[in-house]
Amino acid sequence: MSTAELHTLTGAYALHALPDSERHEFERHLEDCEACAQEVRELSATAARLGLAVAETPPRELRDRVLREITTVRQEAPTPSRRARTGGGGRTGRWYAYALAACVAAAAAFGGVAVWQNQVAQDARQEANQAQRQNEQLAQVLSAPDAKTASSELTGGAHGTVVVSQSQNRAVFLASGMAPPPSGKVYQIWFNDEGTMRSAGLMDPKASDDAVLLNGPVDRASGMGITVEPAGGSAEPTSDPVALMNFPTA
């Protein structure tokens, strides 16, 4: 391969698109050609940024389908002949333009997948750590020496118990037999601060039995209420309470 031809391979090399024989020859050329070496570094950095720029979070069903099918699909890398790679004739600038465009697109796609995989793993770790912290705090309230409880029958035959610890300054609400909220709605819990309702978190709309560590300190709250709110919750109650409970007194 001539030196002129080697100068045209920087893009394909940066995107790992050269066959082994040409890659080895081009790497020997790089040792003596600083201009090509600089261009390879710049193209590699650009390809990496393109991958990040198009990164999107795929729908969860796509991830589940890939993980399910990956164990049943055999993946074999194709080994095209040199004739197929060169189109049966000499190299042309147009062929390299098409190849480089395809390689950039592939690099961008793989970059997006890598970012997605990293984000999925990071989200899972964050969710696990958050759940662990909440479980530990919930257990501290329930096992606190000064924990006090109050129970009440709720709407629709459900039963609720609230546990308050002044030393922890936290409260836990335990529900059983809760009817599911209407579609697109969620149960939201509120602290009753002398008649002013302060959000204390959301209940799991799919769970009839739930244990909820109320968000925020008890402070001077004298009780709690539950309302039906749009999914995601509201800044203040938008409906009449379906349950009201007083906190246990000392």
C-alpha atoms as a PDB file:
ATOM      1  CA  MET A   1       0.000   0.000   0.000  1.00  0.00           C
ATOM      2  CA  SER A   2       1.359   3.415  -0.960  1.00  0.00           C
ATOM      3  CA  THR A   3       2.042   6.214   1.510  1.00  0.00           C
ATOM      4  CA  ALA A   4      -0.714   8.283  -0.112  1.00  0.00           C
ATOM      5  CA  GLU A   5      -3.216   5.497   0.556  1.00  0.00           C
ATOM      6  CA  LEU A   6      -2.055   5.135   4.165  1.00  0.00           C
ATOM      7  CA  HIS A   7      -2.777   8.805   4.797  1.00  0.00           C
ATOM      8  CA  THR A   8      -6.466   8.170   3.988  1.00  0.00           C
ATOM      9  CA  LEU A   9      -6.931   5.487   6.664  1.00  0.00           C
ATOM     10  CA  THR A  10      -6.944   7.691   9.773  1.00  0.00           C
ATOM     11  CA  GLY A  11     -10.744   7.703  10.115  1.00  0.00           C
ATOM     12  CA  ALA A  12     -11.185   3.972   9.597  1.00  0.00           C
ATOM     13  CA  TYR A  13      -8.355   3.248  12.066  1.00  0.00           C
ATOM     14  CA  ALA A  14      -9.795   5.567  14.721  1.00  0.00           C
ATOM     15  CA  LEU A  15     -13.089   3.657  14.540  1.00  0.00           C
ATOM     16  CA  HIS A  16     -11.439   0.195  14.506  1.00  0.00           C
ATOM     17  CA  ALA A  17     -12.723  -0.497  10.993  1.00  0.00           C
ATOM     18  CA  LEU A  18      -9.489  -1.794   9.398  1.00  0.00           C
ATOM     19  CA  PRO A  19      -8.745  -5.475   8.852  1.00  0.00           C
ATOM     20  CA  ASP A  20      -5.745  -6.796  10.759  1.00  0.00           C
ATOM     21  CA  SER A  21      -3.316  -6.697   7.830  1.00  0.00           C
ATOM     22  CA  GLU A  22      -4.054  -3.048   7.032  1.00  0.00           C
ATOM     23  CA  ARG A  23      -4.194  -2.084  10.703  1.00  0.00           C
ATOM     24  CA  HIS A  24      -0.687  -3.444  11.334  1.00  0.00           C
ATOM     25  CA  GLU A  25       0.648  -1.654   8.256  1.00  0.00           C
ATOM     26  CA  PHE A  26      -1.025   1.603   9.271  1.00  0.00           C
ATOM     27  CA  GLU A  27       0.332   1.359  12.852  1.00  0.00           C
ATOM     28  CA  ARG A  28       3.855   1.092  11.444  1.00  0.00           C
ATOM     29  CA  HIS A  29       3.100   4.185   9.360  1.00  0.00           C
ATOM     30  CA  LEU A  30       1.898   6.046  12.492  1.00  0.00           C
ATOM     31  CA  GLU A  31       5.311   5.636  14.102  1.00  0.00           C
ATOM     32  CA  ASP A  32       6.821   7.900  11.419  1.00  0.00           C
ATOM     33  CA  CYS A  33       3.876  10.194  10.590  1.00  0.00           C
ATOM     34  CA  GLU A  34       3.003  12.689  13.328  1.00  0.00           C
ATOM     35  CA  ALA A  35       0.299  14.300  11.166  1.00  0.00           C
ATOM     36  CA  CYS A  36      -1.621  11.033  10.907  1.00  0.00           C
ATOM     37  CA  ALA A  37      -1.097  10.306  14.608  1.00  0.00           C
ATOM     38  CA  GLN A  38      -2.568  13.699  15.528  1.00  0.00           C
ATOM     39  CA  GLU A  39      -5.525  13.169  13.190  1.00  0.00           C
ATOM     40  CA  VAL A  40      -6.236   9.754  14.724  1.00  0.00           C
ATOM     41  CA  ARG A  41      -6.299  11.277  18.215  1.00  0.00           C
ATOM     42  CA  GLU A  42      -8.703  13.994  17.108  1.00  0.00           C
ATOM     43  CA  LEU A  43     -11.014  11.602  15.267  1.00  0.00           C
ATOM     44  CA  SER A  44     -11.081   9.202  18.228  1.00  0.00           C
ATOM     45  CA  ALA A  45     -12.097  12.016  20.563  1.00  0.00           C
ATOM     46  CA  THR A  46     -14.781  13.179  18.114  1.00  0.00           C
ATOM     47  CA  ALA A  47     -16.233   9.672  17.791  1.00  0.00           C
ATOM     48  CA  ALA A  48     -16.456   9.366  21.571  1.00  0.00           C
ATOM     49  CA  ARG A  49     -18.288  12.694  21.819  1.00  0.00           C
ATOM     50  CA  LEU A  50     -20.699  11.657  19.070  1.00  0.00           C
ATOM     51  CA  GLY A  51     -21.564   8.577  21.089  1.00  0.00           C
ATOM     52  CA  LEU A  52     -22.338  10.675  24.150  1.00  0.00           C
ATOM     53  CA  ALA A  53     -24.311  13.214  22.134  1.00  0.00           C
ATOM     54  CA  VAL A  54     -26.851  10.663  20.869  1.00  0.00           C
ATOM     55  CA  ALA A  55     -27.138   8.707  24.105  1.00  0.00           C
ATOM     56  CA  GLU A  56     -30.775   8.098  25.016  1.00  0.00           C
ATOM     57  CA  THR A  57     -32.455   5.926  27.604  1.00  0.00           C
ATOM     58  CA  PRO A  58     -34.186   3.075  25.756  1.00  0.00           C
ATOM     59  CA  PRO A  59     -37.601   1.908  26.952  1.00  0.00           C
ATOM     60  CA  ARG A  60     -37.428  -0.665  29.734  1.00  0.00           C
ATOM     61  CA  GLU A  61     -39.150  -3.300  27.578  1.00  0.00           C
ATOM     62  CA  LEU A  62     -36.222  -3.113  25.122  1.00  0.00           C
ATOM     63  CA  ARG A  63     -33.719  -3.837  27.888  1.00  0.00           C
ATOM     64  CA  ASP A  64     -35.812  -6.745  29.180  1.00  0.00           C
ATOM     65  CA  ARG A  65     -36.164  -8.214  25.677  1.00  0.00           C
ATOM     66  CA  VAL A  66     -32.428  -7.975  24.988  1.00  0.00           C
ATOM     67  CA  LEU A  67     -31.529  -9.609  28.292  1.00  0.00           C
ATOM     68  CA  ARG A  68     -34.074 -12.363  27.641  1.00  0.00           C
ATOM     69  CA  GLU A  69     -33.003 -13.125  24.089  1.00  0.00           C
ATOM     70  CA  ILE A  70     -29.242 -12.732  24.456  1.00  0.00           C
ATOM     71  CA  THR A  71     -28.934 -16.235  25.925  1.00  0.00           C
ATOM     72  CA  THR A  72     -30.598 -17.821  22.864  1.00  0.00           C
ATOM     73  CA  VAL A  73     -28.983 -15.910  20.000  1.00  0.00           C
ATOM     74  CA  ARG A  74     -25.565 -16.983  18.790  1.00  0.00           C
ATOM     75  CA  GLN A  75     -23.466 -14.042  17.694  1.00  0.00           C
ATOM     76  CA  GLU A  76     -20.715 -14.601  15.155  1.00  0.00           C
ATOM     77  CA  ALA A  77     -18.612 -11.839  13.646  1.00  0.00           C
ATOM     78  CA  PRO A  78     -18.663 -11.931   9.818  1.00  0.00           C
ATOM     79  CA  THR A  79     -15.359 -12.353   8.021  1.00  0.00           C
ATOM     80  CA  PRO A  80     -15.710 -10.586   4.668  1.00  0.00           C
ATOM     81  CA  SER A  81     -13.193 -11.299   1.977  1.00  0.00           C
ATOM     82  CA  ARG A  82     -10.727  -8.671   0.837  1.00  0.00           C
ATOM     83  CA  ARG A  83     -12.615  -8.479  -2.452  1.00  0.00           C
ATOM     84  CA  ALA A  84     -15.861  -7.700  -0.617  1.00  0.00           C
ATOM     85  CA  ARG A  85     -14.111  -5.048   1.461  1.00  0.00           C
ATOM     86  CA  THR A  86     -12.635  -3.324  -1.566  1.00  0.00           C
ATOM     87  CA  GLY A  87     -15.638  -3.774  -3.846  1.00  0.00           C
ATOM     88  CA  GLY A  88     -13.609  -5.894  -6.246  1.00  0.00           C
ATOM     89  CA  GLY A  89     -11.513  -2.995  -7.480  1.00  0.00           C
ATOM     90  CA  GLY A  90      -9.277  -0.132  -6.405  1.00  0.00           C
ATOM     91  CA  ARG A  91      -9.952   2.096  -3.436  1.00  0.00           C
ATOM     92  CA  THR A  92     -11.835   5.313  -4.083  1.00  0.00           C
ATOM     93  CA  GLY A  93     -12.472   8.412  -2.005  1.00  0.00           C
ATOM     94  CA  ARG A  94     -16.224   7.748  -2.219  1.00  0.00           C
ATOM     95  CA  TRP A  95     -15.873   4.236  -0.724  1.00  0.00           C
ATOM     96  CA  TYR A  96     -13.959   5.646   2.222  1.00  0.00           C
ATOM     97  CA  ALA A  97     -16.530   8.387   2.713  1.00  0.00           C
ATOM     98  CA  TYR A  98     -19.323   5.796   2.933  1.00  0.00           C
ATOM     99  CA  ALA A  99     -17.273   3.539   5.205  1.00  0.00           C
ATOM    100  CA  LEU A 100     -16.341   6.384   7.514  1.00  0.00           C
ATOM    101  CA  ALA A 101     -19.956   7.543   7.757  1.00  0.00           C
ATOM    102  CA  ALA A 102     -21.087   4.023   8.639  1.00  0.00           C
ATOM    103  CA  CYS A 103     -18.322   3.669  11.212  1.00  0.00           C
ATOM    104  CA  VAL A 104     -19.181   6.983  12.848  1.00  0.00           C
ATOM    105  CA  ALA A 105     -22.832   5.922  13.066  1.00  0.00           C
ATOM    106  CA  ALA A 106     -21.818   2.607  14.625  1.00  0.00           C
ATOM    107  CA  ALA A 107     -19.518   4.320  17.092  1.00  0.00           C
ATOM    108  CA  ALA A 108     -22.301   6.693  18.072  1.00  0.00           C
ATOM    109  CA  ALA A 109     -24.727   3.812  18.577  1.00  0.00           C
ATOM    110  CA  PHE A 110     -22.283   1.803  20.680  1.00  0.00           C
ATOM    111  CA  GLY A 111     -21.445   4.920  22.656  1.00  0.00           C
ATOM    112  CA  GLY A 112     -25.142   5.401  23.390  1.00  0.00           C
ATOM    113  CA  VAL A 113     -25.493   1.780  24.530  1.00  0.00           C
ATOM    114  CA  ALA A 114     -22.459   2.122  26.793  1.00  0.00           C
ATOM    115  CA  VAL A 115     -23.848   5.281  28.386  1.00  0.00           C
ATOM    116  CA  TRP A 116     -27.232   3.590  28.830  1.00  0.00           C
ATOM    117  CA  GLN A 117     -25.699   0.511  30.449  1.00  0.00           C
ATOM    118  CA  ASN A 118     -23.696   2.682  32.830  1.00  0.00           C
ATOM    119  CA  GLN A 119     -26.788   4.750  33.691  1.00  0.00           C
ATOM    120  CA  VAL A 120     -28.889   1.630  34.339  1.00  0.00           C
ATOM    121  CA  ALA A 121     -26.244   0.250  36.701  1.00  0.00           C
ATOM    122  CA  GLN A 122     -25.870   3.593  38.472  1.00  0.00           C
ATOM    123  CA  ASP A 123     -29.648   3.986  38.867  1.00  0.00           C
ATOM    124  CA  ALA A 124     -29.931   0.468  40.279  1.00  0.00           C
ATOM    125  CA  ARG A 125     -27.199   1.162  42.837  1.00  0.00           C
ATOM    126  CA  GLN A 126     -28.826   4.433  43.862  1.00  0.00           C
ATOM    127  CA  GLU A 127     -32.240   2.792  44.242  1.00  0.00           C
ATOM    128  CA  ALA A 128     -30.773  -0.051  46.293  1.00  0.00           C
ATOM    129  CA  ASN A 129     -28.867   2.358  48.575  1.00  0.00           C
ATOM    130  CA  GLN A 130     -31.945   4.535  49.039  1.00  0.00           C
ATOM    131  CA  ALA A 131     -34.141   1.540  49.855  1.00  0.00           C
ATOM    132  CA  GLN A 132     -31.576   0.291  52.371  1.00  0.00           C
ATOM    133  CA  ARG A 133     -31.402   3.681  54.105  1.00  0.00           C
ATOM    134  CA  GLN A 134     -35.188   3.910  54.299  1.00  0.00           C
ATOM    135  CA  ASN A 135     -35.463   0.387  55.715  1.00  0.00           C
ATOM    136  CA  GLU A 136     -32.853   1.186  58.349  1.00  0.00           C
ATOM    137  CA  GLN A 137     -34.625   4.406  59.341  1.00  0.00           C
ATOM    138  CA  LEU A 138     -37.985   2.639  59.429  1.00  0.00           C
ATOM    139  CA  ALA A 139     -36.546  -0.050  61.705  1.00  0.00           C
ATOM    140  CA  GLN A 140     -35.050   2.598  64.004  1.00  0.00           C
ATOM    141  CA  VAL A 141     -38.477   4.196  64.474  1.00  0.00           C
ATOM    142  CA  LEU A 142     -40.255   0.901  65.097  1.00  0.00           C
ATOM    143  CA  SER A 143     -37.618  -0.289  67.568  1.00  0.00           C
ATOM    144  CA  ALA A 144     -37.112   3.024  69.370  1.00  0.00           C
ATOM    145  CA  PRO A 145     -37.591   2.741  73.167  1.00  0.00           C
ATOM    146  CA  ASP A 146     -40.049   5.647  73.114  1.00  0.00           C
ATOM    147  CA  ALA A 147     -42.039   4.441  70.075  1.00  0.00           C
ATOM    148  CA  LYS A 148     -45.785   4.843  70.574  1.00  0.00           C
ATOM    149  CA  THR A 149     -48.594   3.545  68.370  1.00  0.00           C
ATOM    150  CA  ALA A 150     -52.153   4.482  67.505  1.00  0.00           C
ATOM    151  CA  SER A 151     -54.502   2.446  65.298  1.00  0.00           C
ATOM    152  CA  SER A 152     -57.706   3.177  63.449  1.00  0.00           C
ATOM    153  CA  GLU A 153     -60.172   1.667  61.009  1.00  0.00           C
ATOM    154  CA  LEU A 154     -59.951   3.364  57.608  1.00  0.00           C
ATOM    155  CA  THR A 155     -62.333   3.750  54.682  1.00  0.00           C
ATOM    156  CA  GLY A 156     -63.409   0.532  52.984  1.00  0.00           C
ATOM    157  CA  GLY A 157     -62.490  -1.729  55.877  1.00  0.00           C
ATOM    158  CA  ALA A 158     -58.775  -0.958  55.715  1.00  0.00           C
ATOM    159  CA  HIS A 159     -56.747  -0.739  58.912  1.00  0.00           C
ATOM    160  CA  GLY A 160     -54.006   1.769  59.718  1.00  0.00           C
ATOM    161  CA  THR A 161     -51.409   2.067  62.459  1.00  0.00           C
ATOM    162  CA  VAL A 162     -49.078   4.999  63.010  1.00  0.00           C
ATOM    163  CA  VAL A 163     -45.870   4.676  65.038  1.00  0.00           C
ATOM    164  CA  VAL A 164     -44.180   7.818  66.345  1.00  0.00           C
ATOM    165  CA  SER A 165     -40.794   8.184  68.022  1.00  0.00           C
ATOM    166  CA  GLN A 166     -40.015  11.569  69.536  1.00  0.00           C
ATOM    167  CA  SER A 167     -36.339  10.675  69.976  1.00  0.00           C
ATOM    168  CA  GLN A 168     -36.092   9.881  66.258  1.00  0.00           C
ATOM    169  CA  ASN A 169     -38.505  12.704  65.375  1.00  0.00           C
ATOM    170  CA  ARG A 170     -39.965  10.387  62.721  1.00  0.00           C
ATOM    171  CA  ALA A 171     -43.172   8.480  62.117  1.00  0.00           C
ATOM    172  CA  VAL A 172     -44.125   5.294  60.273  1.00  0.00           C
ATOM    173  CA  PHE A 173     -47.553   4.475  58.824  1.00  0.00           C
ATOM    174  CA  LEU A 174     -48.563   0.826  58.488  1.00  0.00           C
ATOM    175  CA  ALA A 175     -51.583   0.059  56.298  1.00  0.00           C
ATOM    176  CA  SER A 176     -53.419  -3.169  55.572  1.00  0.00           C
ATOM    177  CA  GLY A 177     -56.323  -3.890  53.246  1.00  0.00           C
ATOM    178  CA  MET A 178     -56.098  -0.585  51.376  1.00  0.00           C
ATOM    179  CA  ALA A 179     -58.198  -0.498  48.204  1.00  0.00           C
ATOM    180  CA  PRO A 180     -56.203   0.533  45.137  1.00  0.00           C
ATOM    181  CA  PRO A 181     -56.552   4.215  44.222  1.00  0.00           C
ATOM    182  CA  PRO A 182     -58.350   5.163  40.987  1.00  0.00           C
ATOM    183  CA  SER A 183     -56.369   4.846  37.765  1.00  0.00           C
ATOM    184  CA  GLY A 184     -53.807   7.627  37.447  1.00  0.00           C
ATOM    185  CA  LYS A 185     -54.111   8.484  41.136  1.00  0.00           C
ATOM    186  CA  VAL A 186     -52.054   7.815  44.265  1.00  0.00           C
ATOM    187  CA  TYR A 187     -52.550   7.964  48.016  1.00  0.00           C
ATOM    188  CA  GLN A 188     -50.592  10.861  49.526  1.00  0.00           C
ATOM    189  CA  ILE A 189     -49.881  11.162  53.269  1.00  0.00           C
ATOM    190  CA  TRP A 190     -49.831  14.520  55.044  1.00  0.00           C
ATOM    191  CA  PHE A 191     -48.638  15.741  58.433  1.00  0.00           C
ATOM    192  CA  ASN A 192     -51.280  17.784  60.267  1.00  0.00           C
ATOM    193  CA  ASP A 193     -49.377  20.808  61.580  1.00  0.00           C
ATOM    194  CA  GLU A 194     -52.048  22.553  63.646  1.00  0.00           C
ATOM    195  CA  GLY A 195     -54.480  22.457  60.740  1.00  0.00           C
ATOM    196  CA  THR A 196     -51.911  22.981  57.973  1.00  0.00           C
ATOM    197  CA  MET A 197     -51.222  19.888  55.866  1.00  0.00           C
ATOM    198  CA  ARG A 198     -47.572  19.158  55.070  1.00  0.00           C
ATOM    199  CA  SER A 199     -46.691  16.453  52.540  1.00  0.00           C
ATOM    200  CA  ALA A 200     -45.232  13.312  54.101  1.00  0.00           C
ATOM    201  CA  GLY A 201     -44.864  11.104  51.051  1.00  0.00           C
ATOM    202  CA  LEU A 202     -46.715   8.741  48.731  1.00  0.00           C
ATOM    203  CA  MET A 203     -47.983   5.213  49.209  1.00  0.00           C
ATOM    204  CA  ASP A 204     -47.342   2.420  46.734  1.00  0.00           C
ATOM    205  CA  PRO A 205     -50.481   2.394  44.542  1.00  0.00           C
ATOM    206  CA  LYS A 206     -50.038  -1.337  43.849  1.00  0.00           C
ATOM    207  CA  ALA A 207     -49.742  -2.423  47.495  1.00  0.00           C
ATOM    208  CA  SER A 208     -52.787  -3.061  49.667  1.00  0.00           C
ATOM    209  CA  ASP A 209     -50.435  -3.581  52.617  1.00  0.00           C
ATOM    210  CA  ASP A 210     -47.701  -0.987  52.977  1.00  0.00           C
ATOM    211  CA  ALA A 211     -45.193   0.381  55.478  1.00  0.00           C
ATOM    212  CA  VAL A 212     -44.275   4.002  54.820  1.00  0.00           C
ATOM    213  CA  LEU A 213     -41.574   6.034  56.525  1.00  0.00           C
ATOM    214  CA  LEU A 214     -43.112   9.495  56.522  1.00  0.00           C
ATOM    215  CA  ASN A 215     -40.951  12.079  54.793  1.00  0.00           C
ATOM    216  CA  GLY A 216     -39.591  14.762  57.085  1.00  0.00           C
ATOM    217  CA  PRO A 217     -39.590  15.277  60.835  1.00  0.00           C
ATOM    218  CA  VAL A 218     -42.676  15.011  63.016  1.00  0.00           C
ATOM    219  CA  ASP A 219     -41.894  18.257  64.850  1.00  0.00           C
ATOM    220  CA  ARG A 220     -45.182  19.721  66.130  1.00  0.00           C
ATOM    221  CA  ALA A 221     -47.498  17.631  63.954  1.00  0.00           C
ATOM    222  CA  SER A 222     -50.474  16.294  65.905  1.00  0.00           C
ATOM    223  CA  GLY A 223     -51.637  13.762  63.348  1.00  0.00           C
ATOM    224  CA  MET A 224     -51.751  12.706  59.713  1.00  0.00           C
ATOM    225  CA  GLY A 225     -54.184  12.480  56.840  1.00  0.00           C
ATOM    226  CA  ILE A 226     -54.440  10.615  53.537  1.00  0.00           C
ATOM    227  CA  THR A 227     -55.843  12.048  50.312  1.00  0.00           C
ATOM    228  CA  VAL A 228     -56.184  10.834  46.738  1.00  0.00           C
ATOM    229  CA  GLU A 229     -53.928  12.856  44.440  1.00  0.00           C
ATOM    230  CA  PRO A 230     -52.742  12.760  40.812  1.00  0.00           C
ATOM    231  CA  ALA A 231     -49.831  10.415  40.124  1.00  0.00           C
ATOM    232  CA  GLY A 232     -46.652  12.013  41.433  1.00  0.00           C
ATOM    233  CA  GLY A 233     -48.438  13.774  44.280  1.00  0.00           C
ATOM    234  CA  SER A 234     -49.479  17.365  44.913  1.00  0.00           C
ATOM    235  CA  ALA A 235     -47.967  20.351  46.691  1.00  0.00           C
ATOM    236  CA  GLU A 236     -51.131  20.612  48.812  1.00  0.00           C
ATOM    237  CA  PRO A 237     -54.259  18.447  49.190  1.00  0.00           C
ATOM    238  CA  THR A 238     -56.664  18.611  46.249  1.00  0.00           C
ATOM    239  CA  SER A 239     -59.345  16.301  47.654  1.00  0.00           C
ATOM    240  CA  ASP A 240     -61.084  15.526  50.915  1.00  0.00           C
ATOM    241  CA  PRO A 241     -59.133  13.148  53.158  1.00  0.00           C
ATOM    242  CA  VAL A 242     -60.003   9.465  52.990  1.00  0.00           C
ATOM    243  CA  ALA A 243     -58.432   8.992  56.435  1.00  0.00           C
ATOM    244  CA  LEU A 244     -57.446  11.132  59.403  1.00  0.00           C
ATOM    245  CA  MET A 245     -55.450   9.847  62.360  1.00  0.00           C
ATOM    246  CA  ASN A 246     -54.151  11.507  65.530  1.00  0.00           C
ATOM    247  CA  PHE A 247     -50.641  10.758  66.648  1.00  0.00           C
ATOM    248  CA  PRO A 248     -50.283   8.915  69.951  1.00  0.00           C
ATOM    249  CA  THR A 249     -49.736  11.181  72.938  1.00  0.00           C
ATOM    250  CA  ALA A 250     -47.124  10.737  75.598  1.00  0.00           C
END
